[in-house]
Amino acid sequence: MGSPKTAPRASYHHGDLRNALMDSAVELARAGGPEAVVLREVARRVGVSATAAYRHFSAADELFGEVKQAALARLAESIERAVGAVPDEGDPGDVAVARLRASAEGYLDFAFSEPGLFQTAFHHDDHKVDPADAADDMSFSDSAAFQTFSRLLDEVLAAGRMAPHCRAGAEVAGWSMVHGFAVLGTEGPLGRHLSPQMMAFVRQRTIDVVMRGLTAQD
């Protein structure tokens, strides 16, 4: 079997090449997850030399970091779409709770429809030993998705649907449960062993449990 064909060398303006490299890297992540984001393969697909690619991304880590941020941005867009679809009418408390639930639905919609990008968004390089790199592990806490979740919790609290003493730490607790189900469903035993019907049932039960915990009144 012959080696994979290399795309013909292409000519790009400086900014266009960087965008093309990013688009290619995101598509690799979508199809194969974080391990598929390899700078030389990105360059090959775009049709430029690895040397040309390195002029825009000095190291593979730099490229991967930007792909990771792009994946987080798309996760945030999925959440915002789900939240935006909730009718803004009726009892304010009901609306606030429905919007919070929709954020979990949007999170899981993205995880199951874009598993490669979802895994990339939360990928951690276990070979990093520099403690200064540990901040990357919590990049989600600074992301638009996490900030949206925090804002929605504040809306639920303001609407009187959450006891004030339950607000502290609610973001991390809720995120942990929803994210845990997403991981188990996309790359763990739930996805391998449950039927689509049972997965849908467990998904709703998970969100039910999360919502009861987040809207507790005592």
N, C-alpha and C. Protein backbone atom coordinates (compact mmCIF):
# COMPACT_ATOMS: atom_id res chain seq x y z
N MET A 1 0.85 -1.20 0.00
CA MET A 1 0.00 0.00 0.00
C MET A 1 0.88 1.24 0.00
N GLY A 2 0.59 2.17 -0.85
CA GLY A 2 1.39 3.38 -0.93
C GLY A 2 1.15 4.30 0.23
N SER A 3 2.06 5.27 0.41
CA SER A 3 1.91 6.24 1.49
C SER A 3 0.82 7.23 1.13
N PRO A 4 0.21 7.89 2.15
CA PRO A 4 -0.85 8.85 1.88
C PRO A 4 -0.37 9.97 0.97
N LYS A 5 -1.21 10.37 0.06
CA LYS A 5 -0.84 11.45 -0.84
C LYS A 5 -0.76 12.76 -0.09
N THR A 6 0.23 13.54 -0.43
CA THR A 6 0.37 14.86 0.16
C THR A 6 -0.36 15.87 -0.72
N ALA A 7 -1.09 16.76 -0.10
CA ALA A 7 -1.83 17.76 -0.87
C ALA A 7 -0.85 18.64 -1.64
N PRO A 8 -1.20 19.07 -2.83
CA PRO A 8 -0.32 19.96 -3.59
C PRO A 8 0.01 21.20 -2.77
N ARG A 9 1.24 21.67 -2.95
CA ARG A 9 1.65 22.87 -2.24
C ARG A 9 0.74 24.03 -2.63
N ALA A 10 0.30 24.77 -1.64
CA ALA A 10 -0.62 25.87 -1.88
C ALA A 10 0.03 27.18 -1.49
N SER A 11 -0.52 28.26 -1.99
CA SER A 11 -0.02 29.59 -1.68
C SER A 11 -1.07 30.34 -0.87
N TYR A 12 -0.65 30.88 0.29
CA TYR A 12 -1.57 31.58 1.17
C TYR A 12 -0.98 32.92 1.58
N HIS A 13 -1.85 33.89 1.80
CA HIS A 13 -1.43 35.09 2.50
C HIS A 13 -1.21 34.71 3.96
N HIS A 14 -0.46 35.52 4.66
CA HIS A 14 -0.05 35.19 6.02
C HIS A 14 -1.24 34.82 6.92
N GLY A 15 -2.23 35.71 7.00
CA GLY A 15 -3.38 35.45 7.87
C GLY A 15 -4.22 34.30 7.37
N ASP A 16 -4.32 34.16 6.03
CA ASP A 16 -5.13 33.08 5.47
C ASP A 16 -4.55 31.72 5.83
N LEU A 17 -3.23 31.59 5.82
CA LEU A 17 -2.62 30.30 6.14
C LEU A 17 -2.89 29.92 7.59
N ARG A 18 -2.76 30.87 8.48
CA ARG A 18 -3.04 30.56 9.88
C ARG A 18 -4.48 30.07 10.05
N ASN A 19 -5.41 30.75 9.40
CA ASN A 19 -6.81 30.34 9.48
C ASN A 19 -7.02 28.96 8.88
N ALA A 20 -6.36 28.69 7.76
CA ALA A 20 -6.49 27.39 7.11
C ALA A 20 -5.93 26.28 8.01
N LEU A 21 -4.81 26.55 8.65
CA LEU A 21 -4.23 25.57 9.57
C LEU A 21 -5.17 25.30 10.74
N MET A 22 -5.76 26.36 11.27
CA MET A 22 -6.70 26.19 12.38
C MET A 22 -7.92 25.39 11.95
N ASP A 23 -8.47 25.72 10.79
CA ASP A 23 -9.65 24.99 10.30
C ASP A 23 -9.34 23.51 10.14
N SER A 24 -8.16 23.22 9.59
CA SER A 24 -7.77 21.83 9.39
C SER A 24 -7.58 21.12 10.72
N ALA A 25 -6.96 21.80 11.68
CA ALA A 25 -6.73 21.19 12.99
C ALA A 25 -8.04 20.91 13.71
N VAL A 26 -8.99 21.82 13.60
CA VAL A 26 -10.30 21.61 14.23
C VAL A 26 -11.01 20.42 13.60
N GLU A 27 -10.89 20.28 12.28
CA GLU A 27 -11.52 19.14 11.60
C GLU A 27 -10.87 17.83 12.03
N LEU A 28 -9.56 17.83 12.22
CA LEU A 28 -8.88 16.63 12.71
C LEU A 28 -9.37 16.27 14.11
N ALA A 29 -9.51 17.27 14.96
CA ALA A 29 -10.01 17.03 16.31
C ALA A 29 -11.44 16.50 16.27
N ARG A 30 -12.25 17.06 15.40
CA ARG A 30 -13.64 16.61 15.27
C ARG A 30 -13.69 15.13 14.88
N ALA A 31 -12.85 14.73 13.96
CA ALA A 31 -12.89 13.36 13.45
C ALA A 31 -12.19 12.37 14.35
N GLY A 32 -11.11 12.79 15.01
CA GLY A 32 -10.31 11.83 15.75
C GLY A 32 -9.96 12.19 17.17
N GLY A 33 -10.49 13.28 17.69
CA GLY A 33 -10.20 13.65 19.06
C GLY A 33 -8.85 14.31 19.21
N PRO A 34 -8.42 14.53 20.45
CA PRO A 34 -7.19 15.30 20.69
C PRO A 34 -5.93 14.68 20.11
N GLU A 35 -5.85 13.36 20.08
CA GLU A 35 -4.64 12.71 19.59
C GLU A 35 -4.45 12.92 18.09
N ALA A 36 -5.50 13.30 17.40
CA ALA A 36 -5.40 13.49 15.94
C ALA A 36 -4.81 14.84 15.56
N VAL A 37 -4.69 15.75 16.51
CA VAL A 37 -4.18 17.10 16.21
C VAL A 37 -2.66 17.06 16.20
N VAL A 38 -2.10 16.82 15.03
CA VAL A 38 -0.65 16.73 14.83
C VAL A 38 -0.27 17.79 13.79
N LEU A 39 0.67 18.64 14.15
CA LEU A 39 0.98 19.80 13.30
C LEU A 39 1.42 19.40 11.90
N ARG A 40 2.23 18.36 11.79
CA ARG A 40 2.69 17.94 10.46
C ARG A 40 1.52 17.45 9.60
N GLU A 41 0.57 16.75 10.21
CA GLU A 41 -0.59 16.29 9.46
C GLU A 41 -1.48 17.46 9.06
N VAL A 42 -1.58 18.43 9.94
CA VAL A 42 -2.34 19.64 9.61
C VAL A 42 -1.73 20.32 8.39
N ALA A 43 -0.40 20.47 8.41
CA ALA A 43 0.29 21.11 7.29
C ALA A 43 0.09 20.31 6.00
N ARG A 44 0.20 18.99 6.10
CA ARG A 44 0.03 18.15 4.91
C ARG A 44 -1.35 18.33 4.29
N ARG A 45 -2.36 18.37 5.14
CA ARG A 45 -3.73 18.50 4.64
C ARG A 45 -3.98 19.87 3.99
N VAL A 46 -3.34 20.88 4.53
CA VAL A 46 -3.51 22.23 3.97
C VAL A 46 -2.70 22.39 2.69
N GLY A 47 -1.63 21.58 2.57
CA GLY A 47 -0.82 21.65 1.37
C GLY A 47 0.37 22.57 1.48
N VAL A 48 0.91 22.71 2.72
CA VAL A 48 2.10 23.51 2.93
C VAL A 48 3.13 22.67 3.67
N SER A 49 4.34 23.15 3.73
CA SER A 49 5.38 22.42 4.44
C SER A 49 5.21 22.59 5.95
N ALA A 50 5.79 21.66 6.69
CA ALA A 50 5.76 21.78 8.14
C ALA A 50 6.47 23.06 8.58
N THR A 51 7.52 23.43 7.85
CA THR A 51 8.25 24.66 8.18
C THR A 51 7.34 25.87 8.09
N ALA A 52 6.50 25.90 7.07
CA ALA A 52 5.56 27.02 6.92
C ALA A 52 4.57 27.04 8.07
N ALA A 53 4.13 25.86 8.49
CA ALA A 53 3.18 25.79 9.60
C ALA A 53 3.81 26.27 10.89
N TYR A 54 5.08 25.94 11.09
CA TYR A 54 5.76 26.34 12.32
C TYR A 54 5.99 27.85 12.40
N ARG A 55 5.86 28.55 11.30
CA ARG A 55 5.97 30.01 11.36
C ARG A 55 4.75 30.61 12.06
N HIS A 56 3.65 29.89 12.08
CA HIS A 56 2.41 30.38 12.70
C HIS A 56 2.18 29.77 14.08
N PHE A 57 2.66 28.56 14.28
CA PHE A 57 2.52 27.88 15.57
C PHE A 57 3.89 27.31 15.91
N SER A 58 4.56 27.95 16.87
CA SER A 58 5.94 27.61 17.16
C SER A 58 6.10 26.20 17.70
N ALA A 59 5.02 25.63 18.23
CA ALA A 59 5.07 24.28 18.77
C ALA A 59 3.69 23.65 18.65
N ALA A 60 3.67 22.32 18.69
CA ALA A 60 2.39 21.62 18.60
C ALA A 60 1.47 22.02 19.74
N ASP A 61 2.04 22.29 20.91
CA ASP A 61 1.23 22.68 22.07
C ASP A 61 0.48 23.98 21.81
N GLU A 62 1.11 24.89 21.08
CA GLU A 62 0.45 26.17 20.79
C GLU A 62 -0.76 25.95 19.89
N LEU A 63 -0.59 25.12 18.87
CA LEU A 63 -1.71 24.81 17.98
C LEU A 63 -2.82 24.11 18.75
N PHE A 64 -2.44 23.11 19.55
CA PHE A 64 -3.46 22.37 20.28
C PHE A 64 -4.21 23.27 21.25
N GLY A 65 -3.50 24.19 21.89
CA GLY A 65 -4.15 25.11 22.82
C GLY A 65 -5.23 25.93 22.14
N GLU A 66 -4.97 26.35 20.90
CA GLU A 66 -5.98 27.14 20.18
C GLU A 66 -7.15 26.27 19.73
N VAL A 67 -6.86 25.03 19.35
CA VAL A 67 -7.94 24.11 18.98
C VAL A 67 -8.81 23.82 20.19
N LYS A 68 -8.18 23.67 21.34
CA LYS A 68 -8.92 23.43 22.58
C LYS A 68 -9.85 24.60 22.88
N GLN A 69 -9.35 25.81 22.72
CA GLN A 69 -10.20 26.98 22.97
C GLN A 69 -11.33 27.07 21.95
N ALA A 70 -11.06 26.67 20.70
CA ALA A 70 -12.12 26.66 19.69
C ALA A 70 -13.20 25.65 20.05
N ALA A 71 -12.79 24.50 20.59
CA ALA A 71 -13.76 23.49 21.00
C ALA A 71 -14.60 23.99 22.16
N LEU A 72 -13.97 24.66 23.12
CA LEU A 72 -14.72 25.23 24.24
C LEU A 72 -15.71 26.29 23.76
N ALA A 73 -15.30 27.07 22.76
CA ALA A 73 -16.20 28.10 22.23
C ALA A 73 -17.42 27.46 21.57
N ARG A 74 -17.22 26.36 20.88
CA ARG A 74 -18.35 25.68 20.24
C ARG A 74 -19.26 25.03 21.27
N LEU A 75 -18.68 24.57 22.36
CA LEU A 75 -19.51 24.06 23.46
C LEU A 75 -20.38 25.18 24.00
N ALA A 76 -19.79 26.35 24.20
CA ALA A 76 -20.55 27.50 24.70
C ALA A 76 -21.68 27.87 23.74
N GLU A 77 -21.42 27.80 22.44
CA GLU A 77 -22.45 28.12 21.45
C GLU A 77 -23.62 27.13 21.54
N SER A 78 -23.31 25.86 21.76
CA SER A 78 -24.37 24.85 21.89
C SER A 78 -25.24 25.13 23.11
N ILE A 79 -24.60 25.52 24.21
CA ILE A 79 -25.35 25.85 25.42
C ILE A 79 -26.22 27.08 25.19
N GLU A 80 -25.66 28.10 24.58
CA GLU A 80 -26.41 29.33 24.35
C GLU A 80 -27.61 29.09 23.42
N ARG A 81 -27.43 28.23 22.43
CA ARG A 81 -28.55 27.92 21.54
C ARG A 81 -29.69 27.26 22.31
N ALA A 82 -29.33 26.31 23.17
CA ALA A 82 -30.36 25.61 23.94
C ALA A 82 -31.06 26.55 24.90
N VAL A 83 -30.30 27.40 25.56
CA VAL A 83 -30.88 28.36 26.51
C VAL A 83 -31.75 29.37 25.76
N GLY A 84 -31.28 29.82 24.61
CA GLY A 84 -32.02 30.80 23.84
C GLY A 84 -33.34 30.29 23.29
N ALA A 85 -33.48 28.97 23.22
CA ALA A 85 -34.72 28.39 22.69
C ALA A 85 -35.83 28.33 23.73
N VAL A 86 -35.51 28.63 25.00
CA VAL A 86 -36.52 28.61 26.06
C VAL A 86 -37.39 29.86 25.95
N PRO A 87 -38.69 29.73 25.86
CA PRO A 87 -39.57 30.91 25.77
C PRO A 87 -39.41 31.82 27.00
N ASP A 88 -39.24 33.10 26.75
CA ASP A 88 -39.04 34.06 27.84
C ASP A 88 -40.39 34.64 28.25
N GLU A 89 -41.28 33.79 28.70
CA GLU A 89 -42.61 34.24 29.11
C GLU A 89 -43.11 33.33 30.23
N GLY A 90 -44.05 33.84 31.00
CA GLY A 90 -44.57 33.06 32.11
C GLY A 90 -43.90 33.42 33.42
N ASP A 91 -44.03 32.57 34.40
CA ASP A 91 -43.46 32.81 35.72
C ASP A 91 -41.94 32.91 35.63
N PRO A 92 -41.34 33.99 36.17
CA PRO A 92 -39.88 34.16 36.09
C PRO A 92 -39.11 32.99 36.69
N GLY A 93 -39.64 32.43 37.77
CA GLY A 93 -38.96 31.29 38.38
C GLY A 93 -38.95 30.08 37.46
N ASP A 94 -40.09 29.83 36.82
CA ASP A 94 -40.17 28.70 35.88
C ASP A 94 -39.22 28.91 34.71
N VAL A 95 -39.15 30.15 34.22
CA VAL A 95 -38.27 30.45 33.10
C VAL A 95 -36.81 30.24 33.51
N ALA A 96 -36.44 30.72 34.69
CA ALA A 96 -35.06 30.59 35.15
C ALA A 96 -34.66 29.12 35.28
N VAL A 97 -35.55 28.31 35.84
CA VAL A 97 -35.27 26.88 36.01
C VAL A 97 -35.18 26.20 34.64
N ALA A 98 -36.07 26.56 33.73
CA ALA A 98 -36.05 25.96 32.39
C ALA A 98 -34.77 26.32 31.64
N ARG A 99 -34.30 27.54 31.82
CA ARG A 99 -33.06 27.96 31.17
C ARG A 99 -31.86 27.20 31.74
N LEU A 100 -31.87 26.99 33.04
CA LEU A 100 -30.78 26.24 33.65
C LEU A 100 -30.77 24.80 33.14
N ARG A 101 -31.95 24.19 33.08
CA ARG A 101 -32.03 22.83 32.55
C ARG A 101 -31.57 22.78 31.09
N ALA A 102 -31.95 23.78 30.33
CA ALA A 102 -31.55 23.82 28.92
C ALA A 102 -30.03 23.88 28.77
N SER A 103 -29.35 24.52 29.72
CA SER A 103 -27.89 24.59 29.64
C SER A 103 -27.28 23.20 29.73
N ALA A 104 -27.85 22.35 30.58
CA ALA A 104 -27.38 20.97 30.67
C ALA A 104 -27.67 20.20 29.39
N GLU A 105 -28.84 20.45 28.81
CA GLU A 105 -29.19 19.80 27.55
C GLU A 105 -28.22 20.22 26.45
N GLY A 106 -27.91 21.51 26.39
CA GLY A 106 -26.98 22.00 25.38
C GLY A 106 -25.59 21.43 25.55
N TYR A 107 -25.17 21.27 26.80
CA TYR A 107 -23.86 20.67 27.10
C TYR A 107 -23.81 19.25 26.57
N LEU A 108 -24.86 18.47 26.87
CA LEU A 108 -24.88 17.07 26.45
C LEU A 108 -25.11 16.94 24.95
N ASP A 109 -25.88 17.85 24.37
CA ASP A 109 -26.05 17.84 22.91
C ASP A 109 -24.69 17.92 22.23
N PHE A 110 -23.85 18.82 22.70
CA PHE A 110 -22.53 19.00 22.11
C PHE A 110 -21.67 17.76 22.33
N ALA A 111 -21.67 17.24 23.56
CA ALA A 111 -20.83 16.09 23.89
C ALA A 111 -21.14 14.90 22.99
N PHE A 112 -22.43 14.65 22.76
CA PHE A 112 -22.81 13.47 22.00
C PHE A 112 -22.80 13.68 20.49
N SER A 113 -22.95 14.91 20.04
CA SER A 113 -22.92 15.18 18.60
C SER A 113 -21.51 15.47 18.10
N GLU A 114 -20.63 15.94 18.99
CA GLU A 114 -19.25 16.28 18.62
C GLU A 114 -18.29 15.66 19.63
N PRO A 115 -18.25 14.33 19.74
CA PRO A 115 -17.39 13.71 20.77
C PRO A 115 -15.92 14.03 20.61
N GLY A 116 -15.44 14.14 19.36
CA GLY A 116 -14.04 14.47 19.17
C GLY A 116 -13.68 15.84 19.71
N LEU A 117 -14.52 16.83 19.40
CA LEU A 117 -14.27 18.18 19.91
C LEU A 117 -14.50 18.24 21.42
N PHE A 118 -15.48 17.50 21.92
CA PHE A 118 -15.73 17.49 23.35
C PHE A 118 -14.53 16.94 24.10
N GLN A 119 -13.97 15.84 23.63
CA GLN A 119 -12.78 15.28 24.28
C GLN A 119 -11.61 16.25 24.19
N THR A 120 -11.49 16.92 23.05
CA THR A 120 -10.40 17.88 22.87
C THR A 120 -10.53 19.05 23.83
N ALA A 121 -11.75 19.51 24.07
CA ALA A 121 -11.97 20.66 24.95
C ALA A 121 -11.45 20.41 26.35
N PHE A 122 -11.45 19.15 26.78
CA PHE A 122 -11.06 18.84 28.16
C PHE A 122 -9.83 17.95 28.25
N HIS A 123 -9.10 17.86 27.15
CA HIS A 123 -7.92 16.99 27.14
C HIS A 123 -6.81 17.58 28.00
N HIS A 124 -6.14 16.70 28.73
CA HIS A 124 -5.00 17.10 29.56
C HIS A 124 -3.81 16.25 29.18
N ASP A 125 -2.68 16.87 28.97
CA ASP A 125 -1.45 16.16 28.64
C ASP A 125 -0.81 15.66 29.93
N ASP A 126 -0.88 14.36 30.16
CA ASP A 126 -0.35 13.77 31.39
C ASP A 126 1.16 13.86 31.48
N HIS A 127 1.82 14.15 30.35
CA HIS A 127 3.28 14.21 30.37
C HIS A 127 3.81 15.55 30.85
N LYS A 128 2.92 16.53 31.01
CA LYS A 128 3.37 17.83 31.51
C LYS A 128 3.68 17.72 33.00
N VAL A 129 4.86 18.17 33.38
CA VAL A 129 5.25 18.08 34.78
C VAL A 129 5.45 19.45 35.41
N ASP A 130 5.45 20.49 34.62
CA ASP A 130 5.64 21.84 35.15
C ASP A 130 4.36 22.28 35.86
N PRO A 131 4.42 22.57 37.17
CA PRO A 131 3.21 23.00 37.89
C PRO A 131 2.57 24.23 37.28
N ALA A 132 3.36 25.03 36.57
CA ALA A 132 2.80 26.24 35.95
C ALA A 132 1.78 25.89 34.88
N ASP A 133 1.86 24.67 34.34
CA ASP A 133 0.91 24.25 33.31
C ASP A 133 -0.38 23.73 33.90
N ALA A 134 -0.44 23.58 35.22
CA ALA A 134 -1.64 23.02 35.84
C ALA A 134 -2.86 23.91 35.64
N ALA A 135 -2.63 25.21 35.41
CA ALA A 135 -3.75 26.13 35.21
C ALA A 135 -4.59 25.73 34.00
N ASP A 136 -3.97 25.02 33.04
CA ASP A 136 -4.71 24.60 31.86
C ASP A 136 -5.86 23.68 32.21
N ASP A 137 -5.71 22.92 33.31
CA ASP A 137 -6.72 21.94 33.69
C ASP A 137 -8.04 22.60 34.02
N MET A 138 -8.03 23.83 34.47
CA MET A 138 -9.26 24.50 34.87
C MET A 138 -9.64 25.59 33.88
N SER A 139 -9.18 25.44 32.62
CA SER A 139 -9.50 26.47 31.63
C SER A 139 -11.00 26.60 31.44
N PHE A 140 -11.75 25.53 31.70
CA PHE A 140 -13.20 25.60 31.53
C PHE A 140 -13.82 26.60 32.50
N SER A 141 -13.23 26.76 33.69
CA SER A 141 -13.81 27.67 34.67
C SER A 141 -13.75 29.12 34.20
N ASP A 142 -12.88 29.41 33.23
CA ASP A 142 -12.80 30.76 32.67
C ASP A 142 -13.53 30.86 31.33
N SER A 143 -14.14 29.78 30.91
CA SER A 143 -14.75 29.75 29.58
C SER A 143 -16.13 30.38 29.57
N ALA A 144 -16.60 30.70 28.37
CA ALA A 144 -17.93 31.27 28.22
C ALA A 144 -19.01 30.30 28.69
N ALA A 145 -18.78 29.00 28.48
CA ALA A 145 -19.77 28.01 28.90
C ALA A 145 -19.96 28.02 30.41
N PHE A 146 -18.85 28.06 31.14
CA PHE A 146 -18.94 28.06 32.60
C PHE A 146 -19.55 29.35 33.10
N GLN A 147 -19.20 30.46 32.48
CA GLN A 147 -19.75 31.75 32.90
C GLN A 147 -21.26 31.80 32.64
N THR A 148 -21.70 31.19 31.55
CA THR A 148 -23.15 31.11 31.29
C THR A 148 -23.84 30.30 32.37
N PHE A 149 -23.27 29.18 32.73
CA PHE A 149 -23.83 28.33 33.77
C PHE A 149 -23.92 29.10 35.09
N SER A 150 -22.88 29.84 35.41
CA SER A 150 -22.88 30.64 36.64
C SER A 150 -23.97 31.70 36.61
N ARG A 151 -24.12 32.37 35.47
CA ARG A 151 -25.15 33.40 35.34
C ARG A 151 -26.55 32.81 35.49
N LEU A 152 -26.77 31.64 34.92
CA LEU A 152 -28.08 31.00 35.02
C LEU A 152 -28.40 30.58 36.45
N LEU A 153 -27.40 30.15 37.18
CA LEU A 153 -27.60 29.83 38.60
C LEU A 153 -27.98 31.08 39.38
N ASP A 154 -27.34 32.20 39.06
CA ASP A 154 -27.69 33.46 39.72
C ASP A 154 -29.14 33.84 39.42
N GLU A 155 -29.60 33.57 38.19
CA GLU A 155 -30.99 33.86 37.83
C GLU A 155 -31.95 33.00 38.65
N VAL A 156 -31.61 31.73 38.82
CA VAL A 156 -32.45 30.83 39.61
C VAL A 156 -32.52 31.30 41.06
N LEU A 157 -31.37 31.73 41.59
CA LEU A 157 -31.33 32.23 42.96
C LEU A 157 -32.17 33.50 43.09
N ALA A 158 -32.01 34.43 42.14
CA ALA A 158 -32.75 35.69 42.19
C ALA A 158 -34.26 35.47 42.06
N ALA A 159 -34.65 34.40 41.37
CA ALA A 159 -36.07 34.10 41.19
C ALA A 159 -36.67 33.35 42.38
N GLY A 160 -35.83 33.11 43.39
CA GLY A 160 -36.33 32.43 44.58
C GLY A 160 -36.48 30.93 44.44
N ARG A 161 -35.82 30.34 43.45
CA ARG A 161 -35.93 28.90 43.23
C ARG A 161 -34.73 28.13 43.75
N MET A 162 -33.87 28.80 44.50
CA MET A 162 -32.72 28.15 45.12
C MET A 162 -32.50 28.79 46.48
N ALA A 163 -32.27 27.96 47.48
CA ALA A 163 -31.96 28.48 48.81
C ALA A 163 -30.60 29.17 48.77
N PRO A 164 -30.45 30.35 49.35
CA PRO A 164 -29.18 31.07 49.29
C PRO A 164 -27.98 30.25 49.72
N HIS A 165 -28.15 29.40 50.74
CA HIS A 165 -26.99 28.64 51.22
C HIS A 165 -26.59 27.53 50.25
N CYS A 166 -27.42 27.26 49.25
CA CYS A 166 -27.10 26.23 48.26
C CYS A 166 -26.32 26.78 47.07
N ARG A 167 -26.15 28.10 47.00
CA ARG A 167 -25.52 28.70 45.82
C ARG A 167 -24.02 28.44 45.77
N ALA A 168 -23.35 28.46 46.90
CA ALA A 168 -21.90 28.29 46.91
C ALA A 168 -21.50 26.93 46.32
N GLY A 169 -20.60 26.96 45.36
CA GLY A 169 -20.10 25.72 44.77
C GLY A 169 -21.04 25.03 43.81
N ALA A 170 -22.19 25.65 43.53
CA ALA A 170 -23.19 24.99 42.68
C ALA A 170 -22.69 24.77 41.26
N GLU A 171 -21.87 25.70 40.74
CA GLU A 171 -21.36 25.54 39.38
C GLU A 171 -20.57 24.23 39.24
N VAL A 172 -19.62 24.04 40.16
CA VAL A 172 -18.74 22.88 40.05
C VAL A 172 -19.50 21.59 40.30
N ALA A 173 -20.42 21.61 41.27
CA ALA A 173 -21.20 20.41 41.56
C ALA A 173 -22.06 20.01 40.37
N GLY A 174 -22.77 20.98 39.80
CA GLY A 174 -23.63 20.68 38.65
C GLY A 174 -22.83 20.27 37.43
N TRP A 175 -21.75 21.00 37.16
CA TRP A 175 -20.88 20.68 36.03
C TRP A 175 -20.34 19.26 36.17
N SER A 176 -19.89 18.89 37.38
CA SER A 176 -19.29 17.58 37.59
C SER A 176 -20.25 16.45 37.23
N MET A 177 -21.51 16.59 37.61
CA MET A 177 -22.48 15.53 37.34
C MET A 177 -22.81 15.44 35.85
N VAL A 178 -23.04 16.58 35.23
CA VAL A 178 -23.38 16.57 33.80
C VAL A 178 -22.18 16.10 32.97
N HIS A 179 -21.00 16.61 33.31
CA HIS A 179 -19.80 16.22 32.58
C HIS A 179 -19.50 14.74 32.78
N GLY A 180 -19.69 14.25 33.99
CA GLY A 180 -19.45 12.83 34.25
C GLY A 180 -20.31 11.94 33.38
N PHE A 181 -21.58 12.29 33.25
CA PHE A 181 -22.46 11.50 32.38
C PHE A 181 -21.99 11.60 30.93
N ALA A 182 -21.57 12.79 30.51
CA ALA A 182 -21.12 12.97 29.14
C ALA A 182 -19.92 12.07 28.83
N VAL A 183 -18.97 12.02 29.75
CA VAL A 183 -17.78 11.19 29.54
C VAL A 183 -18.14 9.71 29.54
N LEU A 184 -18.95 9.29 30.50
CA LEU A 184 -19.35 7.88 30.56
C LEU A 184 -20.16 7.48 29.33
N GLY A 185 -20.90 8.43 28.78
CA GLY A 185 -21.73 8.13 27.63
C GLY A 185 -21.00 8.17 26.30
N THR A 186 -19.96 9.00 26.19
CA THR A 186 -19.26 9.14 24.92
C THR A 186 -18.02 8.27 24.81
N GLU A 187 -17.36 7.99 25.92
CA GLU A 187 -16.13 7.19 25.86
C GLU A 187 -16.03 6.18 26.99
N GLY A 188 -17.12 5.92 27.69
CA GLY A 188 -17.10 4.99 28.81
C GLY A 188 -18.11 3.88 28.66
N PRO A 189 -18.36 3.14 29.72
CA PRO A 189 -19.23 1.95 29.65
C PRO A 189 -20.68 2.24 29.31
N LEU A 190 -21.19 3.41 29.66
CA LEU A 190 -22.59 3.69 29.32
C LEU A 190 -22.80 3.70 27.81
N GLY A 191 -21.90 4.35 27.11
CA GLY A 191 -22.02 4.41 25.66
C GLY A 191 -21.83 3.06 25.00
N ARG A 192 -21.03 2.20 25.62
CA ARG A 192 -20.76 0.89 25.02
C ARG A 192 -21.86 -0.13 25.29
N HIS A 193 -22.57 0.00 26.41
CA HIS A 193 -23.46 -1.07 26.83
C HIS A 193 -24.95 -0.71 26.87
N LEU A 194 -25.28 0.57 26.89
CA LEU A 194 -26.70 0.93 26.96
C LEU A 194 -27.28 1.14 25.57
N SER A 195 -28.53 0.77 25.41
CA SER A 195 -29.24 1.02 24.15
C SER A 195 -29.50 2.52 24.02
N PRO A 196 -29.75 3.00 22.81
CA PRO A 196 -30.08 4.42 22.65
C PRO A 196 -31.26 4.85 23.51
N GLN A 197 -32.26 3.97 23.63
CA GLN A 197 -33.43 4.31 24.44
C GLN A 197 -33.06 4.45 25.91
N MET A 198 -32.24 3.51 26.42
CA MET A 198 -31.82 3.59 27.82
C MET A 198 -30.90 4.78 28.05
N MET A 199 -30.04 5.08 27.08
CA MET A 199 -29.17 6.25 27.21
C MET A 199 -30.00 7.51 27.33
N ALA A 200 -31.04 7.63 26.52
CA ALA A 200 -31.91 8.81 26.58
C ALA A 200 -32.59 8.90 27.93
N PHE A 201 -33.01 7.76 28.46
CA PHE A 201 -33.67 7.74 29.77
C PHE A 201 -32.69 8.16 30.87
N VAL A 202 -31.50 7.57 30.86
CA VAL A 202 -30.50 7.90 31.89
C VAL A 202 -30.08 9.36 31.78
N ARG A 203 -29.99 9.86 30.56
CA ARG A 203 -29.65 11.28 30.37
C ARG A 203 -30.67 12.17 31.09
N GLN A 204 -31.95 11.92 30.89
CA GLN A 204 -32.97 12.74 31.53
C GLN A 204 -32.98 12.55 33.04
N ARG A 205 -32.74 11.32 33.50
CA ARG A 205 -32.68 11.09 34.94
C ARG A 205 -31.51 11.84 35.56
N THR A 206 -30.38 11.86 34.86
CA THR A 206 -29.22 12.59 35.37
C THR A 206 -29.53 14.07 35.49
N ILE A 207 -30.14 14.64 34.47
CA ILE A 207 -30.49 16.06 34.53
C ILE A 207 -31.52 16.31 35.62
N ASP A 208 -32.47 15.39 35.79
CA ASP A 208 -33.47 15.53 36.86
C ASP A 208 -32.79 15.63 38.22
N VAL A 209 -31.83 14.72 38.46
CA VAL A 209 -31.13 14.70 39.75
C VAL A 209 -30.34 15.99 39.95
N VAL A 210 -29.66 16.43 38.89
CA VAL A 210 -28.89 17.68 38.97
C VAL A 210 -29.81 18.85 39.29
N MET A 211 -30.93 18.93 38.61
CA MET A 211 -31.85 20.05 38.82
C MET A 211 -32.44 20.04 40.22
N ARG A 212 -32.78 18.87 40.72
CA ARG A 212 -33.32 18.82 42.09
C ARG A 212 -32.28 19.30 43.10
N GLY A 213 -31.03 18.92 42.87
CA GLY A 213 -29.99 19.37 43.78
C GLY A 213 -29.74 20.86 43.70
N LEU A 214 -29.75 21.40 42.49
CA LEU A 214 -29.45 22.82 42.30
C LEU A 214 -30.60 23.74 42.70
N THR A 215 -31.80 23.22 42.71
CA THR A 215 -32.95 24.07 43.07
C THR A 215 -33.52 23.70 44.44
N ALA A 216 -32.69 23.09 45.25
CA ALA A 216 -33.14 22.70 46.60
C ALA A 216 -33.51 23.94 47.41
N GLN A 217 -34.53 23.81 48.22
CA GLN A 217 -35.00 24.94 49.04
C GLN A 217 -34.64 24.77 50.51
N ASP A 218 -34.03 23.65 50.88
CA ASP A 218 -33.68 23.47 52.30
C ASP A 218 -32.21 23.17 52.49
